[in-house]
Amino acid sequence: MVQGLAGRYSNELVEGIEEMSAFPLPIDVLPHRPPFLFIDRVTSLEVGVNAIGHWKLTGDEWFFPGHFPGRPTLPGVLMCEAIAQLGAYALLTDPLHQSKLPLFGGLDGARFRRQVGPGDELELQATLGHISARGGKGSGRALLNGKVACECDLMFVLVDR
């Protein structure tokens, strides 16, 4: 793990040292649990500001059999949820917010640009904007093979855990 300026962390390899995860597991930070935890790993984090994470779709997920038979497709709203979870991860790694529970407050400008299916891996990106004691805003996107599959702006409210 290499720490840079402003608390930004990166999984850079240091010669002679095997790569290890530099970040807490999503299940150790987020209140979500399978089958509704959509982040497998985090690869970049600026605490309280932004994060990059990944979600590998195995094909065994609960939604594929019914969405759609013969052409399994990740529901777009679940990409928005995955982005929101990553934003919550960036927020909840900040000690100022660890006693809070971020809840979805709204979704604006959601656009779905690529079909995502079994075997695909999404790179998720989330950036937090304005944050107050009551809630905040953020934005994010999901990339499939480097191309935007989904993008959206999110609003959240903060409640005590």
C-alpha atoms as a PDB file:
ATOM      1  CA  MET A   1       0.000   0.000   0.000  1.00  0.00           C
ATOM      2  CA  VAL A   2       1.327   3.384  -0.951  1.00  0.00           C
ATOM      3  CA  GLN A   3      -0.123   6.540   0.577  1.00  0.00           C
ATOM      4  CA  GLY A   4       0.118   9.683  -1.487  1.00  0.00           C
ATOM      5  CA  LEU A   5      -0.956  13.253  -0.915  1.00  0.00           C
ATOM      6  CA  ALA A   6      -4.286  14.106   0.726  1.00  0.00           C
ATOM      7  CA  GLY A   7      -4.863  10.600   2.083  1.00  0.00           C
ATOM      8  CA  ARG A   8      -5.118   9.010  -1.358  1.00  0.00           C
ATOM      9  CA  TYR A   9      -4.154   5.354  -1.437  1.00  0.00           C
ATOM     10  CA  SER A  10      -3.171   3.196  -4.370  1.00  0.00           C
ATOM     11  CA  ASN A  11      -2.378  -0.496  -4.856  1.00  0.00           C
ATOM     12  CA  GLU A  12       1.034   0.087  -6.392  1.00  0.00           C
ATOM     13  CA  LEU A  13       3.482  -2.787  -6.456  1.00  0.00           C
ATOM     14  CA  VAL A  14       6.703  -2.243  -4.603  1.00  0.00           C
ATOM     15  CA  GLU A  15       9.584  -4.304  -5.980  1.00  0.00           C
ATOM     16  CA  GLY A  16      10.098  -7.470  -3.940  1.00  0.00           C
ATOM     17  CA  ILE A  17       6.764  -7.209  -2.120  1.00  0.00           C
ATOM     18  CA  GLU A  18       3.685  -9.141  -3.211  1.00  0.00           C
ATOM     19  CA  GLU A  19       0.550  -7.130  -3.871  1.00  0.00           C
ATOM     20  CA  MET A  20      -1.955  -7.119  -1.015  1.00  0.00           C
ATOM     21  CA  SER A  21      -5.232  -5.303  -0.698  1.00  0.00           C
ATOM     22  CA  ALA A  22      -4.565  -1.842   0.654  1.00  0.00           C
ATOM     23  CA  PHE A  23      -8.177  -1.243   1.582  1.00  0.00           C
ATOM     24  CA  PRO A  24     -10.710  -2.695   3.993  1.00  0.00           C
ATOM     25  CA  LEU A  25     -13.037  -5.235   2.434  1.00  0.00           C
ATOM     26  CA  PRO A  26     -16.365  -3.732   1.344  1.00  0.00           C
ATOM     27  CA  ILE A  27     -18.218  -6.128   3.673  1.00  0.00           C
ATOM     28  CA  ASP A  28     -16.223  -4.685   6.599  1.00  0.00           C
ATOM     29  CA  VAL A  29     -17.221  -1.084   5.772  1.00  0.00           C
ATOM     30  CA  LEU A  30     -20.701  -1.247   4.252  1.00  0.00           C
ATOM     31  CA  PRO A  31     -23.936  -2.292   5.968  1.00  0.00           C
ATOM     32  CA  HIS A  32     -24.953  -4.280   2.847  1.00  0.00           C
ATOM     33  CA  ARG A  33     -24.758  -8.063   2.784  1.00  0.00           C
ATOM     34  CA  PRO A  34     -24.998 -10.642   0.001  1.00  0.00           C
ATOM     35  CA  PRO A  35     -26.897 -10.991  -2.158  1.00  0.00           C
ATOM     36  CA  PHE A  36     -27.195  -7.177  -2.124  1.00  0.00           C
ATOM     37  CA  LEU A  37     -23.494  -6.310  -1.802  1.00  0.00           C
ATOM     38  CA  PHE A  38     -22.241  -5.397  -5.267  1.00  0.00           C
ATOM     39  CA  ILE A  39     -18.600  -4.410  -4.713  1.00  0.00           C
ATOM     40  CA  ASP A  40     -16.007  -7.188  -4.764  1.00  0.00           C
ATOM     41  CA  ARG A  41     -12.905  -5.082  -4.212  1.00  0.00           C
ATOM     42  CA  VAL A  42     -11.669  -1.510  -3.987  1.00  0.00           C
ATOM     43  CA  THR A  43      -8.545  -0.493  -5.908  1.00  0.00           C
ATOM     44  CA  SER A  44      -8.352   3.240  -5.223  1.00  0.00           C
ATOM     45  CA  LEU A  45      -9.583   5.399  -2.372  1.00  0.00           C
ATOM     46  CA  GLU A  46      -9.406   9.025  -1.367  1.00  0.00           C
ATOM     47  CA  VAL A  47     -11.150   8.861   2.014  1.00  0.00           C
ATOM     48  CA  GLY A  48     -14.359  10.886   2.034  1.00  0.00           C
ATOM     49  CA  VAL A  49     -13.798  12.015  -1.563  1.00  0.00           C
ATOM     50  CA  ASN A  50     -13.784   9.209  -4.167  1.00  0.00           C
ATOM     51  CA  ALA A  51     -13.151   5.536  -4.823  1.00  0.00           C
ATOM     52  CA  ILE A  52     -12.706   3.007  -7.596  1.00  0.00           C
ATOM     53  CA  GLY A  53     -14.007  -0.517  -7.139  1.00  0.00           C
ATOM     54  CA  HIS A  54     -14.891  -3.615  -9.129  1.00  0.00           C
ATOM     55  CA  TRP A  55     -17.832  -5.975  -9.469  1.00  0.00           C
ATOM     56  CA  LYS A  56     -17.291  -9.275 -11.292  1.00  0.00           C
ATOM     57  CA  LEU A  57     -20.540 -10.826 -12.471  1.00  0.00           C
ATOM     58  CA  THR A  58     -20.274 -14.614 -12.307  1.00  0.00           C
ATOM     59  CA  GLY A  59     -23.592 -15.459 -13.923  1.00  0.00           C
ATOM     60  CA  ASP A  60     -24.866 -17.054 -10.711  1.00  0.00           C
ATOM     61  CA  GLU A  61     -26.448 -13.811  -9.455  1.00  0.00           C
ATOM     62  CA  TRP A  62     -30.102 -14.012  -8.383  1.00  0.00           C
ATOM     63  CA  PHE A  63     -31.404 -11.567 -11.015  1.00  0.00           C
ATOM     64  CA  PHE A  64     -30.047 -13.165 -14.205  1.00  0.00           C
ATOM     65  CA  PRO A  65     -32.590 -16.012 -14.592  1.00  0.00           C
ATOM     66  CA  GLY A  66     -35.503 -13.573 -14.767  1.00  0.00           C
ATOM     67  CA  HIS A  67     -33.779 -10.598 -16.439  1.00  0.00           C
ATOM     68  CA  PHE A  68     -33.972 -11.811 -19.212  1.00  0.00           C
ATOM     69  CA  PRO A  69     -34.454 -15.543 -19.961  1.00  0.00           C
ATOM     70  CA  GLY A  70     -32.196 -16.411 -22.877  1.00  0.00           C
ATOM     71  CA  ARG A  71     -30.343 -13.084 -22.663  1.00  0.00           C
ATOM     72  CA  PRO A  72     -29.244 -12.458 -19.076  1.00  0.00           C
ATOM     73  CA  THR A  73     -28.720  -8.739 -18.501  1.00  0.00           C
ATOM     74  CA  LEU A  74     -27.686  -6.798 -15.411  1.00  0.00           C
ATOM     75  CA  PRO A  75     -30.558  -4.441 -14.489  1.00  0.00           C
ATOM     76  CA  GLY A  76     -29.427  -0.846 -14.938  1.00  0.00           C
ATOM     77  CA  VAL A  77     -30.737   0.217 -11.551  1.00  0.00           C
ATOM     78  CA  LEU A  78     -28.368  -2.291  -9.934  1.00  0.00           C
ATOM     79  CA  MET A  79     -25.447  -0.528 -11.623  1.00  0.00           C
ATOM     80  CA  CYS A  80     -26.690   2.682  -9.968  1.00  0.00           C
ATOM     81  CA  GLU A  81     -26.920   0.822  -6.655  1.00  0.00           C
ATOM     82  CA  ALA A  82     -23.339  -0.468  -7.069  1.00  0.00           C
ATOM     83  CA  ILE A  83     -22.128   3.093  -7.716  1.00  0.00           C
ATOM     84  CA  ALA A  84     -24.035   4.271  -4.628  1.00  0.00           C
ATOM     85  CA  GLN A  85     -22.468   1.497  -2.544  1.00  0.00           C
ATOM     86  CA  LEU A  86     -19.006   2.577  -3.676  1.00  0.00           C
ATOM     87  CA  GLY A  87     -19.820   6.182  -2.767  1.00  0.00           C
ATOM     88  CA  ALA A  88     -20.984   4.957   0.646  1.00  0.00           C
ATOM     89  CA  TYR A  89     -17.676   3.080   0.990  1.00  0.00           C
ATOM     90  CA  ALA A  90     -15.709   6.290   0.330  1.00  0.00           C
ATOM     91  CA  LEU A  91     -17.908   8.145   2.838  1.00  0.00           C
ATOM     92  CA  LEU A  92     -17.863   5.506   5.584  1.00  0.00           C
ATOM     93  CA  THR A  93     -14.073   5.124   5.546  1.00  0.00           C
ATOM     94  CA  ASP A  94     -13.972   8.712   6.837  1.00  0.00           C
ATOM     95  CA  PRO A  95     -14.015   8.634  10.671  1.00  0.00           C
ATOM     96  CA  LEU A  96     -16.369  11.645  10.630  1.00  0.00           C
ATOM     97  CA  HIS A  97     -19.128   9.512   9.088  1.00  0.00           C
ATOM     98  CA  GLN A  98     -18.552   6.011  10.492  1.00  0.00           C
ATOM     99  CA  SER A  99     -21.486   6.316  12.907  1.00  0.00           C
ATOM    100  CA  LYS A 100     -23.873   7.208  10.062  1.00  0.00           C
ATOM    101  CA  LEU A 101     -25.928   5.208   7.619  1.00  0.00           C
ATOM    102  CA  PRO A 102     -26.219   6.760   4.137  1.00  0.00           C
ATOM    103  CA  LEU A 103     -29.612   6.134   2.526  1.00  0.00           C
ATOM    104  CA  PHE A 104     -30.578   6.753  -1.090  1.00  0.00           C
ATOM    105  CA  GLY A 105     -32.287  10.132  -1.366  1.00  0.00           C
ATOM    106  CA  GLY A 106     -32.527  10.464  -5.126  1.00  0.00           C
ATOM    107  CA  LEU A 107     -31.126   9.648  -8.529  1.00  0.00           C
ATOM    108  CA  ASP A 108     -30.685  12.085 -11.413  1.00  0.00           C
ATOM    109  CA  GLY A 109     -29.413  11.827 -14.946  1.00  0.00           C
ATOM    110  CA  ALA A 110     -29.084   8.048 -15.023  1.00  0.00           C
ATOM    111  CA  ARG A 111     -27.965   6.846 -18.431  1.00  0.00           C
ATOM    112  CA  PHE A 112     -27.431   3.240 -19.460  1.00  0.00           C
ATOM    113  CA  ARG A 113     -25.098   2.877 -22.424  1.00  0.00           C
ATOM    114  CA  ARG A 114     -23.964  -0.760 -22.550  1.00  0.00           C
ATOM    115  CA  GLN A 115     -25.503  -4.146 -21.848  1.00  0.00           C
ATOM    116  CA  VAL A 116     -23.730  -6.006 -19.034  1.00  0.00           C
ATOM    117  CA  GLY A 117     -24.018  -9.748 -18.562  1.00  0.00           C
ATOM    118  CA  PRO A 118     -22.548 -12.881 -17.003  1.00  0.00           C
ATOM    119  CA  GLY A 119     -18.751 -12.951 -16.975  1.00  0.00           C
ATOM    120  CA  ASP A 120     -18.399  -9.171 -17.290  1.00  0.00           C
ATOM    121  CA  GLU A 121     -16.441  -7.122 -14.771  1.00  0.00           C
ATOM    122  CA  LEU A 122     -17.444  -3.543 -14.068  1.00  0.00           C
ATOM    123  CA  GLU A 123     -15.049  -0.878 -12.930  1.00  0.00           C
ATOM    124  CA  LEU A 124     -17.053   1.386 -10.649  1.00  0.00           C
ATOM    125  CA  GLN A 125     -16.112   5.006 -10.002  1.00  0.00           C
ATOM    126  CA  ALA A 126     -17.750   7.215  -7.380  1.00  0.00           C
ATOM    127  CA  THR A 127     -17.012  10.813  -6.425  1.00  0.00           C
ATOM    128  CA  LEU A 128     -18.611  12.575  -3.484  1.00  0.00           C
ATOM    129  CA  GLY A 129     -19.619  16.209  -3.883  1.00  0.00           C
ATOM    130  CA  HIS A 130     -21.285  18.406  -1.297  1.00  0.00           C
ATOM    131  CA  ILE A 131     -21.689  16.699   2.093  1.00  0.00           C
ATOM    132  CA  SER A 132     -23.488  18.137   5.123  1.00  0.00           C
ATOM    133  CA  ALA A 133     -24.551  16.713   8.479  1.00  0.00           C
ATOM    134  CA  ARG A 134     -27.871  15.683   6.896  1.00  0.00           C
ATOM    135  CA  GLY A 135     -26.762  14.230   3.559  1.00  0.00           C
ATOM    136  CA  GLY A 136     -24.981  14.925   0.350  1.00  0.00           C
ATOM    137  CA  LYS A 137     -24.519  14.446  -3.358  1.00  0.00           C
ATOM    138  CA  GLY A 138     -22.221  12.424  -5.529  1.00  0.00           C
ATOM    139  CA  SER A 139     -21.768  11.079  -9.011  1.00  0.00           C
ATOM    140  CA  GLY A 140     -20.391   7.988 -10.581  1.00  0.00           C
ATOM    141  CA  ARG A 141     -20.150   5.648 -13.465  1.00  0.00           C
ATOM    142  CA  ALA A 142     -19.701   1.997 -14.291  1.00  0.00           C
ATOM    143  CA  LEU A 143     -17.233   1.091 -17.020  1.00  0.00           C
ATOM    144  CA  LEU A 144     -17.244  -2.109 -19.066  1.00  0.00           C
ATOM    145  CA  ASN A 145     -13.948  -2.702 -20.859  1.00  0.00           C
ATOM    146  CA  GLY A 146     -13.094   0.973 -20.394  1.00  0.00           C
ATOM    147  CA  LYS A 147     -16.366   2.230 -21.903  1.00  0.00           C
ATOM    148  CA  VAL A 148     -19.218   3.827 -19.958  1.00  0.00           C
ATOM    149  CA  ALA A 149     -22.016   1.346 -19.248  1.00  0.00           C
ATOM    150  CA  CYS A 150     -23.850   3.575 -16.765  1.00  0.00           C
ATOM    151  CA  GLU A 151     -23.530   7.053 -15.289  1.00  0.00           C
ATOM    152  CA  CYS A 152     -25.640   8.863 -12.712  1.00  0.00           C
ATOM    153  CA  ASP A 153     -25.828  11.568 -10.068  1.00  0.00           C
ATOM    154  CA  LEU A 154     -26.841  10.458  -6.585  1.00  0.00           C
ATOM    155  CA  MET A 155     -28.305  12.127  -3.518  1.00  0.00           C
ATOM    156  CA  PHE A 156     -28.213  10.601  -0.054  1.00  0.00           C
ATOM    157  CA  VAL A 157     -29.416  11.331   3.441  1.00  0.00           C
ATOM    158  CA  LEU A 158     -27.461  10.472   6.579  1.00  0.00           C
ATOM    159  CA  VAL A 159     -29.113   8.860   9.591  1.00  0.00           C
ATOM    160  CA  ASP A 160     -27.629   7.505  12.807  1.00  0.00           C
ATOM    161  CA  ARG A 161     -26.859   3.781  12.788  1.00  0.00           C
END
